[in-house]
Amino acid sequence: MAKKAGGGTPATTLLTRQKIAFTAHTYEVDPKATSYGEAAAAALGVAPTRLFKTLVATVDGQLAVGVVPVSASLDLKALAAALGGKRAAMADPAAAERATGYVTGGISPFGQRSRLPIVVDASAEGQETVFVSGGRRGMQVEVAPAAFTEAADAIFAPIATS
C-alpha cells in the first residue's frame, strides 16, 4: 500500500492513516537550486507537468493553497475565482510556514497544521499519478489525483498558467 522512504512526515502519516496509496521518493537537495520544484523533477527524472508545487496565497485576506505543475505558474485570479473570492496574492513565506507546519520548499498539501482551502490545477486529473511534496525538502510523494480530494478535501480547477 504505502512505502516510506527517509522517515515519516505529517503528510505520509495522514496518507497512511487514511489508507491512501502512495510512494515516497527521496532525492538529494541541491542547495544552489533556485526552483525547488524544477530541481526535484530533474533529480527524480519526472516530467515537470507531473510534479506539482504547493503554493500558499491569500484570497480575500484568508490563507489558501494552490497546487500547480512546476512547469507552470499559479494564476492568482483563477485561484480567487475557484474559491469564490475576488483578490489573491502570494502569502508571506513565514505565514505559510506557520499555517502549514512545513518549511518553504517542503510544503505538502497533505497533513497541514491548519486546514486551508486547497485548489489543485485541473491538469492533475488527466494524470495517472502526480508527485507533490511529501512534507520536507528532498521527498516527494506519488499519488493518484483522487488523493487530493480524499486526503486534503481539495477541489480541482484550472489555476495554472504557463
Protein backbone atom coordinates (compact mmCIF):
# COMPACT_ATOMS: atom_id res chain seq x y z
CA MET A 1 0.00 0.00 0.00
CA ALA A 2 2.41 2.68 1.16
CA LYS A 3 6.14 2.89 1.04
CA LYS A 4 8.04 5.27 3.23
CA ALA A 5 11.47 6.46 2.32
CA GLY A 6 13.57 8.52 4.68
CA GLY A 7 11.14 8.65 7.60
CA GLY A 8 7.61 9.80 8.05
CA THR A 9 6.15 13.29 7.94
CA PRO A 10 2.68 14.59 8.80
CA ALA A 11 1.86 14.11 5.09
CA THR A 12 2.86 10.44 4.95
CA THR A 13 1.25 9.82 8.34
CA LEU A 14 -2.06 11.23 7.06
CA LEU A 15 -1.92 9.26 3.80
CA THR A 16 -1.14 6.05 5.70
CA ARG A 17 -3.88 6.65 8.28
CA GLN A 18 -6.43 7.28 5.52
CA LYS A 19 -5.22 4.18 3.64
CA ILE A 20 -4.38 6.20 0.53
CA ALA A 21 -1.82 4.51 -1.70
CA PHE A 22 1.36 6.50 -2.19
CA THR A 23 5.00 6.01 -2.99
CA ALA A 24 7.61 8.20 -1.33
CA HIS A 25 10.58 9.24 -3.45
CA THR A 26 13.66 10.83 -1.93
CA TYR A 27 16.42 12.73 -3.68
CA GLU A 28 19.43 14.87 -2.85
CA VAL A 29 18.51 18.53 -2.48
CA ASP A 30 20.74 20.88 -4.46
CA PRO A 31 21.40 23.80 -2.09
CA LYS A 32 22.11 26.06 -5.09
CA ALA A 33 18.81 25.32 -6.85
CA THR A 34 16.69 28.40 -7.47
CA SER A 35 13.49 26.38 -8.05
CA TYR A 36 12.77 23.53 -5.63
CA GLY A 37 10.19 22.00 -7.97
CA GLU A 38 12.29 22.06 -11.13
CA ALA A 39 15.25 20.62 -9.18
CA ALA A 40 13.04 17.85 -7.75
CA ALA A 41 11.67 16.98 -11.20
CA ALA A 42 15.19 16.79 -12.61
CA ALA A 43 16.52 14.74 -9.68
CA LEU A 44 13.65 12.24 -9.93
CA GLY A 45 13.55 12.13 -13.74
CA VAL A 46 9.89 13.16 -13.71
CA ALA A 47 8.25 15.41 -16.30
CA PRO A 48 7.64 18.88 -14.80
CA THR A 49 3.98 18.54 -15.82
CA ARG A 50 3.60 15.61 -13.37
CA LEU A 51 5.41 17.19 -10.42
CA PHE A 52 3.28 19.76 -8.62
CA LYS A 53 4.31 22.58 -6.31
CA THR A 54 2.27 23.66 -3.30
CA LEU A 55 1.91 27.44 -3.05
CA VAL A 56 0.27 29.33 -0.22
CA ALA A 57 -1.63 32.50 -1.11
CA THR A 58 -4.16 34.79 0.50
CA VAL A 59 -7.64 35.00 -1.00
CA ASP A 60 -9.59 37.99 0.30
CA GLY A 61 -7.22 38.06 3.29
CA GLN A 62 -7.53 34.34 4.15
CA LEU A 63 -4.79 31.77 3.54
CA ALA A 64 -5.43 29.22 0.79
CA VAL A 65 -3.34 26.74 -1.17
CA GLY A 66 -2.82 26.39 -4.91
CA VAL A 67 -1.21 23.22 -6.28
CA VAL A 68 0.15 23.59 -9.82
CA PRO A 69 2.70 21.84 -12.06
CA VAL A 70 6.27 23.06 -11.51
CA SER A 71 6.33 23.87 -15.23
CA ALA A 72 3.58 26.49 -14.70
CA SER A 73 2.76 29.47 -12.51
CA LEU A 74 -0.17 29.96 -10.18
CA ASP A 75 -2.86 32.18 -11.73
CA LEU A 76 -3.90 34.18 -8.66
CA LYS A 77 -7.10 35.47 -10.26
CA ALA A 78 -8.14 31.93 -11.15
CA LEU A 79 -7.35 30.75 -7.60
CA ALA A 80 -9.51 33.51 -6.14
CA ALA A 81 -12.34 32.71 -8.56
CA ALA A 82 -12.16 28.96 -7.75
CA LEU A 83 -12.64 29.80 -4.07
CA GLY A 84 -15.38 32.36 -4.67
CA GLY A 85 -13.09 35.26 -3.82
CA LYS A 86 -12.16 38.50 -5.52
CA ARG A 87 -8.44 39.03 -4.79
CA ALA A 88 -5.46 36.81 -4.28
CA ALA A 89 -1.80 37.43 -3.55
CA MET A 90 1.10 35.22 -2.59
CA ALA A 91 1.30 34.72 1.17
CA ASP A 92 4.24 35.76 3.28
CA PRO A 93 6.55 32.69 3.48
CA ALA A 94 6.66 32.89 7.30
CA ALA A 95 2.84 32.90 7.46
CA ALA A 96 2.74 29.94 5.07
CA GLU A 97 5.19 28.00 7.23
CA ARG A 98 3.27 28.78 10.44
CA ALA A 99 -0.09 27.76 8.96
CA THR A 100 1.10 24.57 7.27
CA GLY A 101 3.76 23.40 9.72
CA TYR A 102 6.17 22.87 6.83
CA VAL A 103 9.20 24.80 5.60
CA THR A 104 9.18 26.61 2.26
CA GLY A 105 10.26 24.18 -0.44
CA GLY A 106 8.75 21.31 1.55
CA ILE A 107 5.12 22.39 1.94
CA SER A 108 2.81 19.47 1.27
CA PRO A 109 -0.90 19.71 0.50
CA PHE A 110 -1.35 16.78 2.91
CA GLY A 111 -1.16 16.87 6.71
CA GLN A 112 -1.01 20.64 7.12
CA ARG A 113 -1.22 22.10 10.63
CA SER A 114 -4.26 24.22 9.68
CA ARG A 115 -6.97 23.03 7.28
CA LEU A 116 -6.60 25.56 4.48
CA PRO A 117 -8.77 25.54 1.34
CA ILE A 118 -6.83 23.71 -1.38
CA VAL A 119 -7.28 24.03 -5.14
CA VAL A 120 -5.37 21.67 -7.43
CA ASP A 121 -4.86 22.56 -11.08
CA ALA A 122 -7.26 20.62 -13.29
CA SER A 123 -4.33 19.22 -15.32
CA ALA A 124 -3.70 16.76 -12.46
CA GLU A 125 -6.97 14.98 -13.22
CA GLY A 126 -5.59 13.77 -16.55
CA GLN A 127 -2.58 12.06 -14.97
CA GLU A 128 -2.46 8.50 -13.64
CA THR A 129 -0.28 9.71 -10.78
CA VAL A 130 1.29 13.01 -9.77
CA PHE A 131 4.13 13.97 -7.45
CA VAL A 132 3.83 16.54 -4.64
CA SER A 133 5.98 17.41 -1.66
CA GLY A 134 5.97 14.74 1.00
CA GLY A 135 6.43 17.33 3.72
CA ARG A 136 10.14 18.04 3.59
CA ARG A 137 12.73 19.10 1.08
CA GLY A 138 14.13 16.07 -0.67
CA MET A 139 10.95 13.98 -0.55
CA GLN A 140 8.05 13.77 -2.97
CA VAL A 141 5.02 11.52 -2.69
CA GLU A 142 3.48 9.99 -5.78
CA VAL A 143 -0.30 9.70 -5.54
CA ALA A 144 -3.34 9.28 -7.75
CA PRO A 145 -5.14 12.62 -8.31
CA ALA A 146 -8.11 11.34 -6.28
CA ALA A 147 -5.85 11.50 -3.18
CA PHE A 148 -6.23 15.28 -3.18
CA THR A 149 -9.97 15.14 -2.65
CA GLU A 150 -9.76 12.17 -0.27
CA ALA A 151 -6.91 13.38 1.98
CA ALA A 152 -6.95 17.14 1.59
CA ASP A 153 -10.59 17.90 0.77
CA ALA A 154 -9.29 19.74 -2.30
CA ILE A 155 -11.12 20.87 -5.40
CA PHE A 156 -9.86 20.85 -9.00
CA ALA A 157 -9.94 23.99 -11.15
CA PRO A 158 -7.82 25.48 -13.96
CA ILE A 159 -5.47 27.63 -11.85
CA ALA A 160 -2.15 27.22 -13.71
CA THR A 161 -0.74 29.49 -16.36
CA SER A 162 2.39 28.97 -18.45
